[in-house]
Amino acid sequence: MKTMFKFVAVLLIVVFAFGAFAPTRQAAAKGNTIVDVAIAANAQSGEFSILIAALQAADPAVIQTLSGRGQFTAFAPTDAAFVALLNELNLSASQLLGNKELVTQVLLYHVARANRDAAEVLASSRIRTLNGGFLFQSGGVLTDANGRTSNIIATDIQASNGVIHVIDRVVLP
C-alpha cells in the first residue's frame, strides 16, 4: 500500500512538473476577433486585402495574438494607405510582403494593448505599441516615430478581443 501511495505521489509530481514547463498556447477568444472582423470588413468592402495579406505574411504569432483572448486596439490601414506606402518606398506588394521581419514589425506598430475606444485614444497623447515603440496622437491624427502622420478615419469597430480604428496611412516604426 505504501509503495502504491509513493508511486501515485511521484506520478502527480511528474505530471505537475511537465505541466509547469509545457509550452502554453494563447486560447482563442470567443466571438469575432480583430482578425475575424478585419476579414469580414474586407469581404464587404474590399478595402483591407493588403492588410489581410500582410497578416498572413507576418510571423504567425501576430495572427495568434490578434485572435487570442487579450484585449487590443488595432489601427488598421486601408488598401489605399498601403498602396501609397508602396509608391512612397518604390516597392511592389510582393517585395514588402516578402520581408517577414519588416511586415511583422510594421503590423505590431499598429497594435496597442488594451481595448481603447475613440474617446480614450483621443485623450491620449502617446500610445505604446506592441513592437515597443510609440504613436503620438493629437486631434485624431497619429504621428509615427518618423514624423509621418495618419488620420483616424473610422472608429470603434468592436471585436471580441478589442477594437479597431481605421487609418488612412501606414505608420512606420
Protein backbone atom coordinates (compact mmCIF):
# COMPACT_ATOMS: atom_id res chain seq x y z
CA MET A 1 0.00 0.00 0.00
CA LYS A 2 2.87 2.37 0.86
CA THR A 3 4.50 1.60 -2.48
CA MET A 4 1.28 2.41 -4.34
CA PHE A 5 0.98 5.72 -2.43
CA LYS A 6 4.58 6.65 -3.30
CA PHE A 7 4.00 5.74 -6.95
CA VAL A 8 0.88 7.95 -7.15
CA ALA A 9 2.70 10.81 -5.38
CA VAL A 10 5.65 10.60 -7.79
CA LEU A 11 3.29 10.38 -10.76
CA LEU A 12 1.44 13.52 -9.62
CA ILE A 13 4.72 15.39 -9.15
CA VAL A 14 5.85 14.43 -12.66
CA VAL A 15 2.51 15.46 -14.19
CA PHE A 16 2.61 18.85 -12.43
CA ALA A 17 6.27 19.37 -13.38
CA PHE A 18 5.59 18.70 -17.06
CA GLY A 19 2.53 20.92 -16.93
CA ALA A 20 4.55 23.79 -15.49
CA PHE A 21 7.13 23.61 -18.27
CA ALA A 22 4.91 22.70 -21.18
CA PRO A 23 4.56 25.39 -23.83
CA THR A 24 1.45 27.47 -23.36
CA ARG A 25 -0.79 28.46 -26.22
CA GLN A 26 -2.92 31.53 -26.09
CA ALA A 27 -6.53 30.42 -26.07
CA ALA A 28 -8.77 31.66 -28.82
CA ALA A 29 -11.17 34.44 -27.98
CA LYS A 30 -14.88 33.74 -28.08
CA GLY A 31 -16.75 35.65 -30.75
CA ASN A 32 -15.38 37.61 -33.69
CA THR A 33 -11.78 38.58 -33.01
CA ILE A 34 -9.89 41.51 -34.52
CA VAL A 35 -8.70 39.19 -37.30
CA ASP A 36 -12.25 37.89 -37.93
CA VAL A 37 -13.66 41.44 -38.07
CA ALA A 38 -10.90 42.58 -40.47
CA ILE A 39 -11.57 39.63 -42.78
CA ALA A 40 -15.33 40.28 -42.69
CA ALA A 41 -14.81 44.01 -43.37
CA ASN A 42 -12.58 43.16 -46.31
CA ALA A 43 -15.19 40.73 -47.66
CA GLN A 44 -17.77 43.54 -47.58
CA SER A 45 -15.67 46.49 -48.73
CA GLY A 46 -12.52 45.05 -50.29
CA GLU A 47 -10.57 47.82 -48.53
CA PHE A 48 -8.33 45.64 -46.36
CA SER A 49 -6.96 42.98 -48.73
CA ILE A 50 -3.35 44.15 -48.37
CA LEU A 51 -3.71 44.24 -44.58
CA ILE A 52 -5.02 40.66 -44.64
CA ALA A 53 -2.13 39.63 -46.93
CA ALA A 54 0.31 41.35 -44.53
CA LEU A 55 -1.16 39.44 -41.58
CA GLN A 56 -0.67 36.20 -43.49
CA ALA A 57 2.91 37.15 -44.48
CA ALA A 58 3.94 38.14 -40.94
CA ASP A 59 5.15 35.92 -38.15
CA PRO A 60 2.21 33.62 -37.24
CA ALA A 61 2.40 34.99 -33.69
CA VAL A 62 0.75 38.21 -34.95
CA ILE A 63 -2.43 36.40 -36.03
CA GLN A 64 -2.32 34.24 -32.88
CA THR A 65 -2.11 37.37 -30.74
CA LEU A 66 -4.91 39.18 -32.56
CA SER A 67 -7.07 36.03 -32.42
CA GLY A 68 -6.41 35.39 -28.72
CA ARG A 69 -8.17 36.45 -25.56
CA GLY A 70 -6.05 39.51 -24.80
CA GLN A 71 -7.58 42.93 -25.35
CA PHE A 72 -6.02 45.10 -28.07
CA THR A 73 -6.52 48.27 -30.06
CA ALA A 74 -5.66 47.91 -33.73
CA PHE A 75 -5.08 50.82 -36.10
CA ALA A 76 -5.97 49.30 -39.47
CA PRO A 77 -4.63 50.92 -42.64
CA THR A 78 -6.79 50.74 -45.76
CA ASP A 79 -5.55 49.33 -49.06
CA ALA A 80 -5.17 52.92 -50.31
CA ALA A 81 -2.83 53.56 -47.37
CA PHE A 82 -0.72 50.52 -48.30
CA VAL A 83 -0.66 51.50 -52.00
CA ALA A 84 0.55 54.99 -51.02
CA LEU A 85 3.29 53.41 -48.86
CA LEU A 86 4.39 51.11 -51.69
CA ASN A 87 4.60 54.10 -54.05
CA GLU A 88 6.45 56.16 -51.43
CA LEU A 89 9.02 53.39 -50.86
CA ASN A 90 9.09 52.40 -54.56
CA LEU A 91 8.29 48.77 -53.67
CA SER A 92 5.89 46.18 -55.01
CA ALA A 93 3.45 44.46 -52.67
CA SER A 94 5.35 41.20 -53.10
CA GLN A 95 8.63 42.90 -52.14
CA LEU A 96 7.11 44.30 -48.98
CA LEU A 97 5.21 41.14 -48.06
CA GLY A 98 8.28 39.00 -48.77
CA ASN A 99 10.11 40.60 -45.84
CA LYS A 100 8.52 38.73 -42.92
CA GLU A 101 10.50 40.56 -40.21
CA LEU A 102 9.66 44.01 -41.59
CA VAL A 103 5.97 43.17 -42.08
CA THR A 104 5.79 41.78 -38.54
CA GLN A 105 7.35 44.91 -37.00
CA VAL A 106 5.12 47.24 -39.05
CA LEU A 107 1.97 45.33 -38.06
CA LEU A 108 2.94 45.26 -34.37
CA TYR A 109 3.45 49.03 -34.59
CA HIS A 110 -0.26 49.28 -35.47
CA VAL A 111 -1.45 47.48 -32.32
CA ALA A 112 -1.61 48.61 -28.69
CA ARG A 113 -2.51 46.64 -25.58
CA ALA A 114 -5.98 47.21 -24.07
CA ASN A 115 -9.32 47.98 -25.64
CA ARG A 116 -9.15 51.76 -26.25
CA ASP A 117 -12.26 53.31 -27.69
CA ALA A 118 -12.06 56.55 -29.68
CA ALA A 119 -12.53 58.72 -26.59
CA GLU A 120 -9.61 57.03 -24.84
CA VAL A 121 -7.40 57.26 -27.94
CA LEU A 122 -8.24 60.95 -28.34
CA ALA A 123 -7.47 61.55 -24.67
CA SER A 124 -4.01 60.00 -25.11
CA SER A 125 -1.05 61.93 -26.43
CA ARG A 126 1.20 58.85 -26.59
CA ILE A 127 0.27 55.22 -27.25
CA ARG A 128 2.76 52.37 -26.70
CA THR A 129 2.55 49.76 -29.43
CA LEU A 130 3.24 46.03 -29.32
CA ASN A 131 6.60 46.46 -31.03
CA GLY A 132 7.72 48.64 -28.10
CA GLY A 133 7.54 51.97 -29.93
CA PHE A 134 5.12 54.84 -29.55
CA LEU A 135 2.48 56.51 -31.68
CA PHE A 136 1.77 60.12 -30.83
CA GLN A 137 -1.82 61.30 -31.10
CA SER A 138 -3.28 64.77 -31.38
CA GLY A 139 -6.79 65.57 -32.57
CA GLY A 140 -7.34 62.21 -34.25
CA VAL A 141 -4.01 62.30 -36.06
CA LEU A 142 -1.37 59.68 -35.30
CA THR A 143 2.29 60.58 -35.74
CA ASP A 144 4.83 57.78 -36.02
CA ALA A 145 8.49 57.65 -34.97
CA ASN A 146 9.48 59.15 -38.34
CA GLY A 147 7.15 62.15 -38.16
CA ARG A 148 4.70 60.67 -40.67
CA THR A 149 1.04 61.35 -39.91
CA SER A 150 -2.10 59.27 -40.34
CA ASN A 151 -5.69 60.32 -39.81
CA ILE A 152 -8.08 58.13 -37.87
CA ILE A 153 -10.98 57.88 -40.33
CA ALA A 154 -13.31 55.32 -38.69
CA THR A 155 -13.53 54.41 -35.03
CA ASP A 156 -14.83 51.92 -32.52
CA ILE A 157 -15.24 48.85 -34.71
CA GLN A 158 -15.80 46.30 -31.96
CA ALA A 159 -14.29 42.82 -31.77
CA SER A 160 -14.48 40.25 -29.00
CA ASN A 161 -10.86 40.93 -28.09
CA GLY A 162 -10.60 44.66 -28.66
CA VAL A 163 -11.37 47.47 -31.01
CA ILE A 164 -10.30 48.58 -34.49
CA HIS A 165 -9.79 52.15 -35.68
CA VAL A 166 -9.23 52.63 -39.41
CA ILE A 167 -6.38 54.91 -40.52
CA ASP A 168 -5.56 56.45 -43.90
CA ARG A 169 -1.79 55.99 -43.87
CA VAL A 170 0.55 53.19 -42.80
CA VAL A 171 2.61 54.26 -39.79
CA LEU A 172 6.21 53.09 -39.58
CA PRO A 173 8.35 52.26 -36.56
